[in-house]
Each structure stands twice: as C-alpha cells, then as structure tokens.
Amino acid sequence: MRTDAGGLFDLRTILPGSYPGMHVPAHVHFSFWGAGYPLQWVDELRFEGDGYLTPAMVSEDADRGEFRTIQRLSAGADGVLRGGYNVRLRSKSNFR
C-alpha cells in the first residue's frame, strides 16, 4: 500500500479470523517504511467486540487515545465494514 500526501491509506481485505485453538483476538499486522522512515512494526490492529479481547487489553488500549489499536467497524449502506486506524511512526527502526 501507499499513503496519499496526507498519510492516509486504504486497506481492503476480509475480516481476519482467530488462530485455531488459541485465545488470541483477530488482528492484522503491519510494517511501514518510506519517506525517510525506516522499516518498523506498528501495533496490530484489533477489532472492538472480539470475544478474545480481555478487559486488561481494552483498558490498556483506551490509554492510547487517538492511536488506539482496537477499532470499531461500521457497516456502510453497501454492507462493507469500515474503520479507521492511526499509527505513529518512529525515527528509528524497531524491526528485528
């Protein structure tokens, strides 16, 4: 994916499922780089209402403010689920 001039991107995918036999919330992993930013991981995107989200996860995420990783998805008139996700890039790589 590429961002636009304002840093916005659009990801079209299916809603991920959970890992079989594990109690891990459904999520999407991202790595970002470019425009002077080195390769880096950002926190995984998770989805509000997932039965595997614990109260501790939800509480910790609330402290992230506009950079929270648990997002609400809303169905548009076309039935497509949509949500938002803000990330903060670092000046140094955290990729291992």
PDB file of N, CA and C in Angstrom:
ATOM      1  N   MET A   1       0.851  -1.178   0.000  1.00  0.00           N
ATOM      2  CA  MET A   1       0.000   0.000   0.000  1.00  0.00           C
ATOM      3  C   MET A   1       0.886   1.227   0.000  1.00  0.00           C
ATOM      4  N   ARG A   2       0.350   2.276  -0.454  1.00  0.00           N
ATOM      5  CA  ARG A   2       0.999   3.580  -0.380  1.00  0.00           C
ATOM      6  C   ARG A   2       0.013   4.566   0.256  1.00  0.00           C
ATOM      7  N   THR A   3       0.558   5.519   0.965  1.00  0.00           N
ATOM      8  CA  THR A   3      -0.291   6.561   1.530  1.00  0.00           C
ATOM      9  C   THR A   3      -0.439   7.690   0.522  1.00  0.00           C
ATOM     10  N   ASP A   4      -1.450   8.505   0.747  1.00  0.00           N
ATOM     11  CA  ASP A   4      -1.581   9.707  -0.069  1.00  0.00           C
ATOM     12  C   ASP A   4      -0.718  10.800   0.556  1.00  0.00           C
ATOM     13  N   ALA A   5      -0.773  11.994   0.025  1.00  0.00           N
ATOM     14  CA  ALA A   5       0.064  13.098   0.518  1.00  0.00           C
ATOM     15  C   ALA A   5      -0.197  13.412   1.989  1.00  0.00           C
ATOM     16  N   GLY A   6      -1.398  13.116   2.467  1.00  0.00           N
ATOM     17  CA  GLY A   6      -1.741  13.366   3.864  1.00  0.00           C
ATOM     18  C   GLY A   6      -1.454  12.198   4.787  1.00  0.00           C
ATOM     19  N   GLY A   7      -0.861  11.117   4.246  1.00  0.00           N
ATOM     20  CA  GLY A   7      -0.532   9.952   5.061  1.00  0.00           C
ATOM     21  C   GLY A   7      -1.668   8.960   5.213  1.00  0.00           C
ATOM     22  N   LEU A   8      -2.746   9.116   4.470  1.00  0.00           N
ATOM     23  CA  LEU A   8      -3.886   8.204   4.565  1.00  0.00           C
ATOM     24  C   LEU A   8      -3.691   7.010   3.644  1.00  0.00           C
ATOM     25  N   PHE A   9      -4.177   5.859   4.100  1.00  0.00           N
ATOM     26  CA  PHE A   9      -4.137   4.669   3.260  1.00  0.00           C
ATOM     27  C   PHE A   9      -5.464   3.944   3.364  1.00  0.00           C
ATOM     28  N   ASP A  10      -5.719   3.109   2.380  1.00  0.00           N
ATOM     29  CA  ASP A  10      -6.965   2.371   2.309  1.00  0.00           C
ATOM     30  C   ASP A  10      -6.614   0.904   2.133  1.00  0.00           C
ATOM     31  N   LEU A  11      -7.028   0.065   3.076  1.00  0.00           N
ATOM     32  CA  LEU A  11      -6.790  -1.368   3.023  1.00  0.00           C
ATOM     33  C   LEU A  11      -8.125  -2.062   2.806  1.00  0.00           C
ATOM     34  N   ARG A  12      -8.174  -2.909   1.809  1.00  0.00           N
ATOM     35  CA  ARG A  12      -9.386  -3.685   1.543  1.00  0.00           C
ATOM     36  C   ARG A  12      -9.024  -5.147   1.727  1.00  0.00           C
ATOM     37  N   THR A  13      -9.696  -5.791   2.672  1.00  0.00           N
ATOM     38  CA  THR A  13      -9.396  -7.179   2.993  1.00  0.00           C
ATOM     39  C   THR A  13     -10.622  -7.820   3.629  1.00  0.00           C
ATOM     40  N   ILE A  14     -10.512  -9.060   3.948  1.00  0.00           N
ATOM     41  CA  ILE A  14     -11.561  -9.725   4.713  1.00  0.00           C
ATOM     42  C   ILE A  14     -11.285  -9.499   6.196  1.00  0.00           C
ATOM     43  N   LEU A  15     -12.302  -9.621   7.011  1.00  0.00           N
ATOM     44  CA  LEU A  15     -12.123  -9.543   8.457  1.00  0.00           C
ATOM     45  C   LEU A  15     -11.392 -10.813   8.881  1.00  0.00           C
ATOM     46  N   PRO A  16     -10.247 -10.691   9.529  1.00  0.00           N
ATOM     47  CA  PRO A  16      -9.496 -11.902   9.874  1.00  0.00           C
ATOM     48  C   PRO A  16     -10.206 -12.729  10.942  1.00  0.00           C
ATOM     49  N   GLY A  17      -9.917 -13.992  10.930  1.00  0.00           N
ATOM     50  CA  GLY A  17     -10.424 -14.890  11.958  1.00  0.00           C
ATOM     51  C   GLY A  17      -9.398 -15.045  13.062  1.00  0.00           C
ATOM     52  N   SER A  18      -9.744 -15.798  14.068  1.00  0.00           N
ATOM     53  CA  SER A  18      -8.817 -16.078  15.170  1.00  0.00           C
ATOM     54  C   SER A  18      -7.944 -17.270  14.806  1.00  0.00           C
ATOM     55  N   TYR A  19      -6.823 -17.399  15.486  1.00  0.00           N
ATOM     56  CA  TYR A  19      -5.960 -18.555  15.308  1.00  0.00           C
ATOM     57  C   TYR A  19      -6.659 -19.780  15.888  1.00  0.00           C
ATOM     58  N   PRO A  20      -6.698 -20.876  15.155  1.00  0.00           N
ATOM     59  CA  PRO A  20      -7.362 -22.086  15.669  1.00  0.00           C
ATOM     60  C   PRO A  20      -6.730 -22.567  16.981  1.00  0.00           C
ATOM     61  N   GLY A  21      -7.575 -22.873  17.946  1.00  0.00           N
ATOM     62  CA  GLY A  21      -7.107 -23.419  19.208  1.00  0.00           C
ATOM     63  C   GLY A  21      -6.426 -22.419  20.130  1.00  0.00           C
ATOM     64  N   MET A  22      -6.429 -21.139  19.770  1.00  0.00           N
ATOM     65  CA  MET A  22      -5.783 -20.120  20.605  1.00  0.00           C
ATOM     66  C   MET A  22      -6.799 -19.053  20.992  1.00  0.00           C
ATOM     67  N   HIS A  23      -6.561 -18.407  22.096  1.00  0.00           N
ATOM     68  CA  HIS A  23      -7.458 -17.355  22.576  1.00  0.00           C
ATOM     69  C   HIS A  23      -6.835 -15.995  22.310  1.00  0.00           C
ATOM     70  N   VAL A  24      -6.506 -15.742  21.056  1.00  0.00           N
ATOM     71  CA  VAL A  24      -5.874 -14.501  20.618  1.00  0.00           C
ATOM     72  C   VAL A  24      -6.895 -13.724  19.785  1.00  0.00           C
ATOM     73  N   PRO A  25      -7.102 -12.441  20.087  1.00  0.00           N
ATOM     74  CA  PRO A  25      -8.055 -11.677  19.281  1.00  0.00           C
ATOM     75  C   PRO A  25      -7.647 -11.651  17.807  1.00  0.00           C
ATOM     76  N   ALA A  26      -8.637 -11.624  16.916  1.00  0.00           N
ATOM     77  CA  ALA A  26      -8.354 -11.451  15.495  1.00  0.00           C
ATOM     78  C   ALA A  26      -7.621 -10.129  15.299  1.00  0.00           C
ATOM     79  N   HIS A  27      -6.653 -10.110  14.396  1.00  0.00           N
ATOM     80  CA  HIS A  27      -5.844  -8.911  14.219  1.00  0.00           C
ATOM     81  C   HIS A  27      -5.170  -8.897  12.849  1.00  0.00           C
ATOM     82  N   VAL A  28      -4.637  -7.732  12.521  1.00  0.00           N
ATOM     83  CA  VAL A  28      -3.863  -7.537  11.297  1.00  0.00           C
ATOM     84  C   VAL A  28      -2.531  -6.931  11.704  1.00  0.00           C
ATOM     85  N   HIS A  29      -1.432  -7.490  11.169  1.00  0.00           N
ATOM     86  CA  HIS A  29      -0.091  -6.949  11.410  1.00  0.00           C
ATOM     87  C   HIS A  29       0.285  -5.998  10.279  1.00  0.00           C
ATOM     88  N   PHE A  30       1.031  -4.960  10.627  1.00  0.00           N
ATOM     89  CA  PHE A  30       1.530  -4.010   9.636  1.00  0.00           C
ATOM     90  C   PHE A  30       3.009  -3.753   9.862  1.00  0.00           C
ATOM     91  N   SER A  31       3.729  -3.493   8.797  1.00  0.00           N
ATOM     92  CA  SER A  31       5.062  -2.891   8.857  1.00  0.00           C
ATOM     93  C   SER A  31       5.016  -1.702   7.910  1.00  0.00           C
ATOM     94  N   PHE A  32       5.693  -0.650   8.298  1.00  0.00           N
ATOM     95  CA  PHE A  32       5.714   0.574   7.496  1.00  0.00           C
ATOM     96  C   PHE A  32       7.142   0.994   7.237  1.00  0.00           C
ATOM     97  N   TRP A  33       7.349   1.708   6.127  1.00  0.00           N
ATOM     98  CA  TRP A  33       8.630   2.337   5.829  1.00  0.00           C
ATOM     99  C   TRP A  33       8.414   3.307   4.671  1.00  0.00           C
ATOM    100  N   GLY A  34       9.372   4.162   4.466  1.00  0.00           N
ATOM    101  CA  GLY A  34       9.348   5.096   3.343  1.00  0.00           C
ATOM    102  C   GLY A  34       9.316   6.534   3.798  1.00  0.00           C
ATOM    103  N   ALA A  35       9.552   7.424   2.836  1.00  0.00           N
ATOM    104  CA  ALA A  35       9.541   8.875   3.083  1.00  0.00           C
ATOM    105  C   ALA A  35      10.448   9.247   4.248  1.00  0.00           C
ATOM    106  N   GLY A  36      11.602   8.588   4.331  1.00  0.00           N
ATOM    107  CA  GLY A  36      12.557   8.892   5.391  1.00  0.00           C
ATOM    108  C   GLY A  36      12.365   8.099   6.665  1.00  0.00           C
ATOM    109  N   TYR A  37      11.341   7.272   6.742  1.00  0.00           N
ATOM    110  CA  TYR A  37      11.119   6.435   7.914  1.00  0.00           C
ATOM    111  C   TYR A  37      11.660   5.040   7.650  1.00  0.00           C
ATOM    112  N   PRO A  38      12.397   4.473   8.628  1.00  0.00           N
ATOM    113  CA  PRO A  38      12.937   3.129   8.432  1.00  0.00           C
ATOM    114  C   PRO A  38      11.857   2.058   8.616  1.00  0.00           C
ATOM    115  N   LEU A  39      12.138   0.866   8.165  1.00  0.00           N
ATOM    116  CA  LEU A  39      11.235  -0.267   8.340  1.00  0.00           C
ATOM    117  C   LEU A  39      10.923  -0.446   9.815  1.00  0.00           C
ATOM    118  N   GLN A  40       9.643  -0.609  10.131  1.00  0.00           N
ATOM    119  CA  GLN A  40       9.237  -0.767  11.529  1.00  0.00           C
ATOM    120  C   GLN A  40       7.891  -1.463  11.638  1.00  0.00           C
ATOM    121  N   TRP A  41       7.730  -2.167  12.755  1.00  0.00           N
ATOM    122  CA  TRP A  41       6.446  -2.751  13.127  1.00  0.00           C
ATOM    123  C   TRP A  41       5.632  -1.668  13.815  1.00  0.00           C
ATOM    124  N   VAL A  42       4.330  -1.733  13.654  1.00  0.00           N
ATOM    125  CA  VAL A  42       3.436  -0.929  14.486  1.00  0.00           C
ATOM    126  C   VAL A  42       2.507  -1.908  15.189  1.00  0.00           C
ATOM    127  N   ASP A  43       1.828  -1.449  16.207  1.00  0.00           N
ATOM    128  CA  ASP A  43       0.946  -2.335  16.961  1.00  0.00           C
ATOM    129  C   ASP A  43      -0.161  -2.872  16.064  1.00  0.00           C
ATOM    130  N   GLU A  44      -0.511  -4.124  16.285  1.00  0.00           N
ATOM    131  CA  GLU A  44      -1.510  -4.785  15.449  1.00  0.00           C
ATOM    132  C   GLU A  44      -2.879  -4.132  15.604  1.00  0.00           C
ATOM    133  N   LEU A  45      -3.614  -4.129  14.540  1.00  0.00           N
ATOM    134  CA  LEU A  45      -4.984  -3.635  14.515  1.00  0.00           C
ATOM    135  C   LEU A  45      -5.903  -4.751  15.000  1.00  0.00           C
ATOM    136  N   ARG A  46      -6.711  -4.440  16.022  1.00  0.00           N
ATOM    137  CA  ARG A  46      -7.684  -5.404  16.562  1.00  0.00           C
ATOM    138  C   ARG A  46      -9.072  -4.784  16.457  1.00  0.00           C
ATOM    139  N   PHE A  47     -10.105  -5.565  16.748  1.00  0.00           N
ATOM    140  CA  PHE A  47     -11.461  -5.137  16.442  1.00  0.00           C
ATOM    141  C   PHE A  47     -12.373  -5.201  17.660  1.00  0.00           C
ATOM    142  N   GLU A  48     -13.059  -4.085  17.898  1.00  0.00           N
ATOM    143  CA  GLU A  48     -13.996  -3.976  19.020  1.00  0.00           C
ATOM    144  C   GLU A  48     -15.012  -5.113  18.960  1.00  0.00           C
ATOM    145  N   GLY A  49     -15.329  -5.664  20.117  1.00  0.00           N
ATOM    146  CA  GLY A  49     -16.326  -6.717  20.208  1.00  0.00           C
ATOM    147  C   GLY A  49     -15.772  -8.122  20.067  1.00  0.00           C
ATOM    148  N   ASP A  50     -14.478  -8.244  19.789  1.00  0.00           N
ATOM    149  CA  ASP A  50     -13.872  -9.575  19.665  1.00  0.00           C
ATOM    150  C   ASP A  50     -13.940 -10.269  21.023  1.00  0.00           C
ATOM    151  N   GLY A  51     -14.453 -11.475  21.054  1.00  0.00           N
ATOM    152  CA  GLY A  51     -14.632 -12.217  22.305  1.00  0.00           C
ATOM    153  C   GLY A  51     -13.339 -12.560  23.018  1.00  0.00           C
ATOM    154  N   TYR A  52     -12.201 -12.464  22.335  1.00  0.00           N
ATOM    155  CA  TYR A  52     -10.920 -12.770  22.967  1.00  0.00           C
ATOM    156  C   TYR A  52     -10.211 -11.531  23.518  1.00  0.00           C
ATOM    157  N   LEU A  53     -10.799 -10.371  23.348  1.00  0.00           N
ATOM    158  CA  LEU A  53     -10.226  -9.178  23.975  1.00  0.00           C
ATOM    159  C   LEU A  53     -10.514  -9.240  25.471  1.00  0.00           C
ATOM    160  N   THR A  54      -9.493  -9.078  26.281  1.00  0.00           N
ATOM    161  CA  THR A  54      -9.673  -9.091  27.724  1.00  0.00           C
ATOM    162  C   THR A  54      -9.947  -7.671  28.223  1.00  0.00           C
ATOM    163  N   PRO A  55     -10.527  -7.522  29.413  1.00  0.00           N
ATOM    164  CA  PRO A  55     -10.708  -6.186  29.976  1.00  0.00           C
ATOM    165  C   PRO A  55      -9.371  -5.441  30.090  1.00  0.00           C
ATOM    166  N   ALA A  56      -8.293  -6.153  30.409  1.00  0.00           N
ATOM    167  CA  ALA A  56      -6.980  -5.504  30.513  1.00  0.00           C
ATOM    168  C   ALA A  56      -6.539  -4.949  29.157  1.00  0.00           C
ATOM    169  N   MET A  57      -6.759  -5.701  28.083  1.00  0.00           N
ATOM    170  CA  MET A  57      -6.397  -5.225  26.740  1.00  0.00           C
ATOM    171  C   MET A  57      -7.177  -3.957  26.390  1.00  0.00           C
ATOM    172  N   VAL A  58      -8.478  -3.980  26.677  1.00  0.00           N
ATOM    173  CA  VAL A  58      -9.334  -2.842  26.352  1.00  0.00           C
ATOM    174  C   VAL A  58      -8.919  -1.626  27.174  1.00  0.00           C
ATOM    175  N   SER A  59      -8.635  -1.813  28.450  1.00  0.00           N
ATOM    176  CA  SER A  59      -8.224  -0.713  29.322  1.00  0.00           C
ATOM    177  C   SER A  59      -6.890  -0.122  28.874  1.00  0.00           C
ATOM    178  N   GLU A  60      -5.924  -0.979  28.593  1.00  0.00           N
ATOM    179  CA  GLU A  60      -4.610  -0.509  28.138  1.00  0.00           C
ATOM    180  C   GLU A  60      -4.760   0.261  26.823  1.00  0.00           C
ATOM    181  N   ASP A  61      -5.589  -0.254  25.943  1.00  0.00           N
ATOM    182  CA  ASP A  61      -5.763   0.384  24.644  1.00  0.00           C
ATOM    183  C   ASP A  61      -6.407   1.756  24.773  1.00  0.00           C
ATOM    184  N   ALA A  62      -7.335   1.926  25.701  1.00  0.00           N
ATOM    185  CA  ALA A  62      -8.016   3.206  25.887  1.00  0.00           C
ATOM    186  C   ALA A  62      -7.020   4.314  26.218  1.00  0.00           C
ATOM    187  N   ASP A  63      -5.917   3.964  26.890  1.00  0.00           N
ATOM    188  CA  ASP A  63      -4.901   4.949  27.258  1.00  0.00           C
ATOM    189  C   ASP A  63      -4.117   5.468  26.051  1.00  0.00           C
ATOM    190  N   ARG A  64      -4.265   4.845  24.901  1.00  0.00           N
ATOM    191  CA  ARG A  64      -3.525   5.258  23.703  1.00  0.00           C
ATOM    192  C   ARG A  64      -4.189   6.420  22.968  1.00  0.00           C
ATOM    193  N   GLY A  65      -5.385   6.788  23.394  1.00  0.00           N
ATOM    194  CA  GLY A  65      -6.067   7.924  22.767  1.00  0.00           C
ATOM    195  C   GLY A  65      -6.287   7.703  21.280  1.00  0.00           C
ATOM    196  N   GLU A  66      -5.879   8.683  20.471  1.00  0.00           N
ATOM    197  CA  GLU A  66      -6.116   8.600  19.026  1.00  0.00           C
ATOM    198  C   GLU A  66      -5.304   7.497  18.350  1.00  0.00           C
ATOM    199  N   PHE A  67      -4.360   6.904  19.059  1.00  0.00           N
ATOM    200  CA  PHE A  67      -3.547   5.828  18.492  1.00  0.00           C
ATOM    201  C   PHE A  67      -3.959   4.458  19.018  1.00  0.00           C
ATOM    202  N   ARG A  68      -5.198   4.343  19.474  1.00  0.00           N
ATOM    203  CA  ARG A  68      -5.654   3.045  19.985  1.00  0.00           C
ATOM    204  C   ARG A  68      -5.670   2.029  18.845  1.00  0.00           C
ATOM    205  N   THR A  69      -5.517   0.777  19.215  1.00  0.00           N
ATOM    206  CA  THR A  69      -5.398  -0.285  18.221  1.00  0.00           C
ATOM    207  C   THR A  69      -6.645  -1.154  18.126  1.00  0.00           C
ATOM    208  N   ILE A  70      -7.573  -0.998  19.060  1.00  0.00           N
ATOM    209  CA  ILE A  70      -8.845  -1.718  18.995  1.00  0.00           C
ATOM    210  C   ILE A  70      -9.842  -0.767  18.354  1.00  0.00           C
ATOM    211  N   GLN A  71     -10.309  -1.135  17.175  1.00  0.00           N
ATOM    212  CA  GLN A  71     -11.153  -0.234  16.405  1.00  0.00           C
ATOM    213  C   GLN A  71     -12.551  -0.784  16.193  1.00  0.00           C
ATOM    214  N   ARG A  72     -13.514   0.122  16.155  1.00  0.00           N
ATOM    215  CA  ARG A  72     -14.902  -0.229  15.854  1.00  0.00           C
ATOM    216  C   ARG A  72     -15.063  -0.261  14.334  1.00  0.00           C
ATOM    217  N   LEU A  73     -15.731  -1.278  13.845  1.00  0.00           N
ATOM    218  CA  LEU A  73     -16.062  -1.360  12.431  1.00  0.00           C
ATOM    219  C   LEU A  73     -17.543  -1.073  12.279  1.00  0.00           C
ATOM    220  N   SER A  74     -17.881  -0.305  11.255  1.00  0.00           N
ATOM    221  CA  SER A  74     -19.286   0.026  10.988  1.00  0.00           C
ATOM    222  C   SER A  74     -19.612  -0.375   9.562  1.00  0.00           C
ATOM    223  N   ALA A  75     -20.793  -0.948   9.370  1.00  0.00           N
ATOM    224  CA  ALA A  75     -21.231  -1.347   8.037  1.00  0.00           C
ATOM    225  C   ALA A  75     -21.816  -0.153   7.301  1.00  0.00           C
ATOM    226  N   GLY A  76     -21.326   0.062   6.075  1.00  0.00           N
ATOM    227  CA  GLY A  76     -21.885   1.095   5.219  1.00  0.00           C
ATOM    228  C   GLY A  76     -23.159   0.595   4.561  1.00  0.00           C
ATOM    229  N   ALA A  77     -23.799   1.461   3.781  1.00  0.00           N
ATOM    230  CA  ALA A  77     -25.021   1.089   3.073  1.00  0.00           C
ATOM    231  C   ALA A  77     -24.782  -0.076   2.124  1.00  0.00           C
ATOM    232  N   ASP A  78     -23.533  -0.229   1.690  1.00  0.00           N
ATOM    233  CA  ASP A  78     -23.179  -1.327   0.786  1.00  0.00           C
ATOM    234  C   ASP A  78     -22.857  -2.622   1.533  1.00  0.00           C
ATOM    235  N   GLY A  79     -22.951  -2.585   2.877  1.00  0.00           N
ATOM    236  CA  GLY A  79     -22.674  -3.765   3.690  1.00  0.00           C
ATOM    237  C   GLY A  79     -21.205  -3.980   4.001  1.00  0.00           C
ATOM    238  N   VAL A  80     -20.337  -3.132   3.470  1.00  0.00           N
ATOM    239  CA  VAL A  80     -18.903  -3.265   3.705  1.00  0.00           C
ATOM    240  C   VAL A  80     -18.559  -2.676   5.073  1.00  0.00           C
ATOM    241  N   LEU A  81     -17.761  -3.419   5.848  1.00  0.00           N
ATOM    242  CA  LEU A  81     -17.306  -2.923   7.153  1.00  0.00           C
ATOM    243  C   LEU A  81     -16.172  -1.934   6.947  1.00  0.00           C
ATOM    244  N   ARG A  82     -16.212  -0.833   7.687  1.00  0.00           N
ATOM    245  CA  ARG A  82     -15.178   0.193   7.570  1.00  0.00           C
ATOM    246  C   ARG A  82     -14.757   0.635   8.965  1.00  0.00           C
ATOM    247  N   GLY A  83     -13.482   1.032   9.059  1.00  0.00           N
ATOM    248  CA  GLY A  83     -12.961   1.541  10.318  1.00  0.00           C
ATOM    249  C   GLY A  83     -11.757   2.417  10.047  1.00  0.00           C
ATOM    250  N   GLY A  84     -11.188   2.960  11.077  1.00  0.00           N
ATOM    251  CA  GLY A  84     -10.010   3.808  10.967  1.00  0.00           C
ATOM    252  C   GLY A  84      -8.905   3.281  11.860  1.00  0.00           C
ATOM    253  N   TYR A  85      -7.698   3.789  11.621  1.00  0.00           N
ATOM    254  CA  TYR A  85      -6.532   3.318  12.390  1.00  0.00           C
ATOM    255  C   TYR A  85      -5.430   4.346  12.242  1.00  0.00           C
ATOM    256  N   ASN A  86      -5.031   4.977  13.333  1.00  0.00           N
ATOM    257  CA  ASN A  86      -3.920   5.933  13.319  1.00  0.00           C
ATOM    258  C   ASN A  86      -2.669   5.251  13.843  1.00  0.00           C
ATOM    259  N   VAL A  87      -1.557   5.467  13.174  1.00  0.00           N
ATOM    260  CA  VAL A  87      -0.279   4.921  13.625  1.00  0.00           C
ATOM    261  C   VAL A  87       0.715   6.051  13.817  1.00  0.00           C
ATOM    262  N   ARG A  88       1.675   5.809  14.688  1.00  0.00           N
ATOM    263  CA  ARG A  88       2.751   6.773  14.950  1.00  0.00           C
ATOM    264  C   ARG A  88       4.048   6.107  14.509  1.00  0.00           C
ATOM    265  N   LEU A  89       4.708   6.713  13.533  1.00  0.00           N
ATOM    266  CA  LEU A  89       5.973   6.165  13.046  1.00  0.00           C
ATOM    267  C   LEU A  89       7.131   6.689  13.878  1.00  0.00           C
ATOM    268  N   ARG A  90       8.182   5.898  13.945  1.00  0.00           N
ATOM    269  CA  ARG A  90       9.368   6.239  14.729  1.00  0.00           C
ATOM    270  C   ARG A  90      10.513   6.616  13.801  1.00  0.00           C
ATOM    271  N   SER A  91      11.439   7.376  14.319  1.00  0.00           N
ATOM    272  CA  SER A  91      12.593   7.760  13.509  1.00  0.00           C
ATOM    273  C   SER A  91      13.645   6.656  13.444  1.00  0.00           C
ATOM    274  N   LYS A  92      13.549   5.663  14.346  1.00  0.00           N
ATOM    275  CA  LYS A  92      14.483   4.532  14.349  1.00  0.00           C
ATOM    276  C   LYS A  92      13.701   3.243  14.184  1.00  0.00           C
ATOM    277  N   SER A  93      14.294   2.298  13.498  1.00  0.00           N
ATOM    278  CA  SER A  93      13.641   1.008  13.265  1.00  0.00           C
ATOM    279  C   SER A  93      13.499   0.204  14.546  1.00  0.00           C
ATOM    280  N   ASN A  94      12.405  -0.474  14.684  1.00  0.00           N
ATOM    281  CA  ASN A  94      12.208  -1.437  15.785  1.00  0.00           C
ATOM    282  C   ASN A  94      12.059  -2.839  15.204  1.00  0.00           C
ATOM    283  N   PHE A  95      12.418  -2.976  13.943  1.00  0.00           N
ATOM    284  CA  PHE A  95      12.294  -4.255  13.217  1.00  0.00           C
ATOM    285  C   PHE A  95      13.429  -5.161  13.607  1.00  0.00           C
ATOM    286  N   ARG A  96      13.128  -6.392  13.935  1.00  0.00           N
ATOM    287  CA  ARG A  96      14.179  -7.338  14.327  1.00  0.00           C
ATOM    288  C   ARG A  96      14.179  -8.522  13.417  1.00  0.00           C
TER     289      ARG A  96
END
